[in-house]
Amino acid sequence: MEDQYPINRQLLLRDRETGELKPLFAGVGLPFALDDGRDFCCKVYISQGILKPTMIYGIDALQATSLAIGTIDKLLQRAQDNGDLFWSSGEPY
């Protein structure tokens, strides 16, 4: 997984039914140019059914990467606000 998403973070997500902490992988792929050569995109993914592999587009590599990281951040923030997200050490995110 890390080879597909070299920009990544590994966390723990609390299962709301069991209270068990499960591994959570959030990753962003490297930006690449589309066929037109004018636009770029990055693939993003968060495990545990939070975000299936999705392409994020930008006008250049920097914008595509920035938007991809922002998308991951917003979705992780939602889990954090619910108190369900933890660092791999078990400390709250």
Protein backbone atom coordinates (compact mmCIF):
# COMPACT_ATOMS: atom_id res chain seq x y z
CA MET A 1 0.00 0.00 0.00
CA GLU A 2 2.77 2.44 0.89
CA ASP A 3 4.33 2.07 -2.56
CA GLN A 4 1.08 3.26 -4.17
CA TYR A 5 0.64 6.06 -1.61
CA PRO A 6 4.12 7.29 -0.62
CA ILE A 7 2.67 10.31 1.23
CA ASN A 8 0.90 8.54 4.09
CA ARG A 9 0.01 8.34 7.74
CA GLN A 10 -0.89 5.29 9.82
CA LEU A 11 -3.29 5.82 12.71
CA LEU A 12 -5.82 3.90 14.80
CA LEU A 13 -9.59 4.21 14.47
CA ARG A 14 -11.97 3.20 17.27
CA ASP A 15 -14.72 0.85 16.13
CA ARG A 16 -17.94 2.42 17.43
CA GLU A 17 -19.60 -0.95 18.02
CA THR A 18 -16.80 -2.83 19.79
CA GLY A 19 -14.52 -0.02 21.02
CA GLU A 20 -11.60 -1.90 19.42
CA LEU A 21 -8.80 0.18 17.90
CA LYS A 22 -8.24 -0.79 14.25
CA PRO A 23 -5.39 0.23 11.95
CA LEU A 24 -6.19 3.17 9.69
CA PHE A 25 -4.12 4.01 6.60
CA ALA A 26 -4.44 7.39 4.89
CA GLY A 27 -2.41 7.99 1.76
CA VAL A 28 -1.78 10.28 -1.18
CA GLY A 29 -0.13 9.15 -4.41
CA LEU A 30 2.43 11.19 -6.29
CA PRO A 31 0.98 13.73 -8.73
CA PHE A 32 1.05 12.93 -12.43
CA ALA A 33 0.11 14.80 -15.60
CA LEU A 34 -3.04 13.89 -17.47
CA ASP A 35 -2.98 13.20 -21.20
CA ASP A 36 -3.58 16.85 -22.05
CA GLY A 37 -0.38 17.77 -20.17
CA ARG A 38 -2.11 20.79 -18.64
CA ASP A 39 -3.80 19.20 -15.63
CA PHE A 40 -2.50 16.92 -12.89
CA CYS A 41 -4.03 14.52 -10.40
CA CYS A 42 -3.21 12.54 -7.27
CA LYS A 43 -4.83 9.35 -6.05
CA VAL A 44 -6.03 9.41 -2.42
CA TYR A 45 -7.27 6.66 -0.11
CA ILE A 46 -8.29 6.15 3.53
CA SER A 47 -8.89 2.61 4.77
CA GLN A 48 -11.76 1.34 6.94
CA GLY A 49 -14.29 2.44 4.32
CA ILE A 50 -13.72 6.16 4.92
CA LEU A 51 -12.55 6.98 1.38
CA LYS A 52 -12.22 4.55 -1.52
CA PRO A 53 -9.39 5.25 -3.99
CA THR A 54 -10.28 8.60 -5.57
CA MET A 55 -8.53 10.95 -7.98
CA ILE A 56 -8.07 14.61 -6.96
CA TYR A 57 -7.36 17.06 -9.79
CA GLY A 58 -5.43 20.31 -9.97
CA ILE A 59 -4.08 22.76 -12.52
CA ASP A 60 -0.51 21.71 -11.69
CA ALA A 61 1.29 19.13 -9.54
CA LEU A 62 1.43 21.43 -6.51
CA GLN A 63 -2.29 22.19 -6.54
CA ALA A 64 -3.25 18.54 -7.06
CA THR A 65 -1.05 17.50 -4.11
CA SER A 66 -2.32 20.33 -1.92
CA LEU A 67 -5.98 19.50 -2.65
CA ALA A 68 -5.34 15.79 -2.06
CA ILE A 69 -3.73 16.41 1.33
CA GLY A 70 -6.53 18.83 2.22
CA THR A 71 -9.14 16.18 1.38
CA ILE A 72 -7.41 13.62 3.62
CA ASP A 73 -7.06 16.20 6.39
CA LYS A 74 -10.77 17.14 6.35
CA LEU A 75 -11.89 13.51 6.51
CA LEU A 76 -9.45 12.70 9.33
CA GLN A 77 -10.61 15.82 11.19
CA ARG A 78 -14.17 14.50 11.12
CA ALA A 79 -13.04 11.26 12.81
CA GLN A 80 -10.95 13.25 15.29
CA ASP A 81 -13.92 15.47 16.19
CA ASN A 82 -15.86 12.31 17.09
CA GLY A 83 -13.00 11.20 19.37
CA ASP A 84 -12.43 8.09 17.30
CA LEU A 85 -8.92 8.74 15.95
CA PHE A 86 -5.60 7.93 17.64
CA TRP A 87 -1.88 7.93 16.87
CA SER A 88 -0.36 4.45 16.59
CA SER A 89 0.91 4.93 20.19
CA GLY A 90 -2.72 5.09 21.40
CA GLU A 91 -2.59 8.82 22.18
CA PRO A 92 -5.56 10.88 20.89
CA TYR A 93 -4.93 12.37 17.44
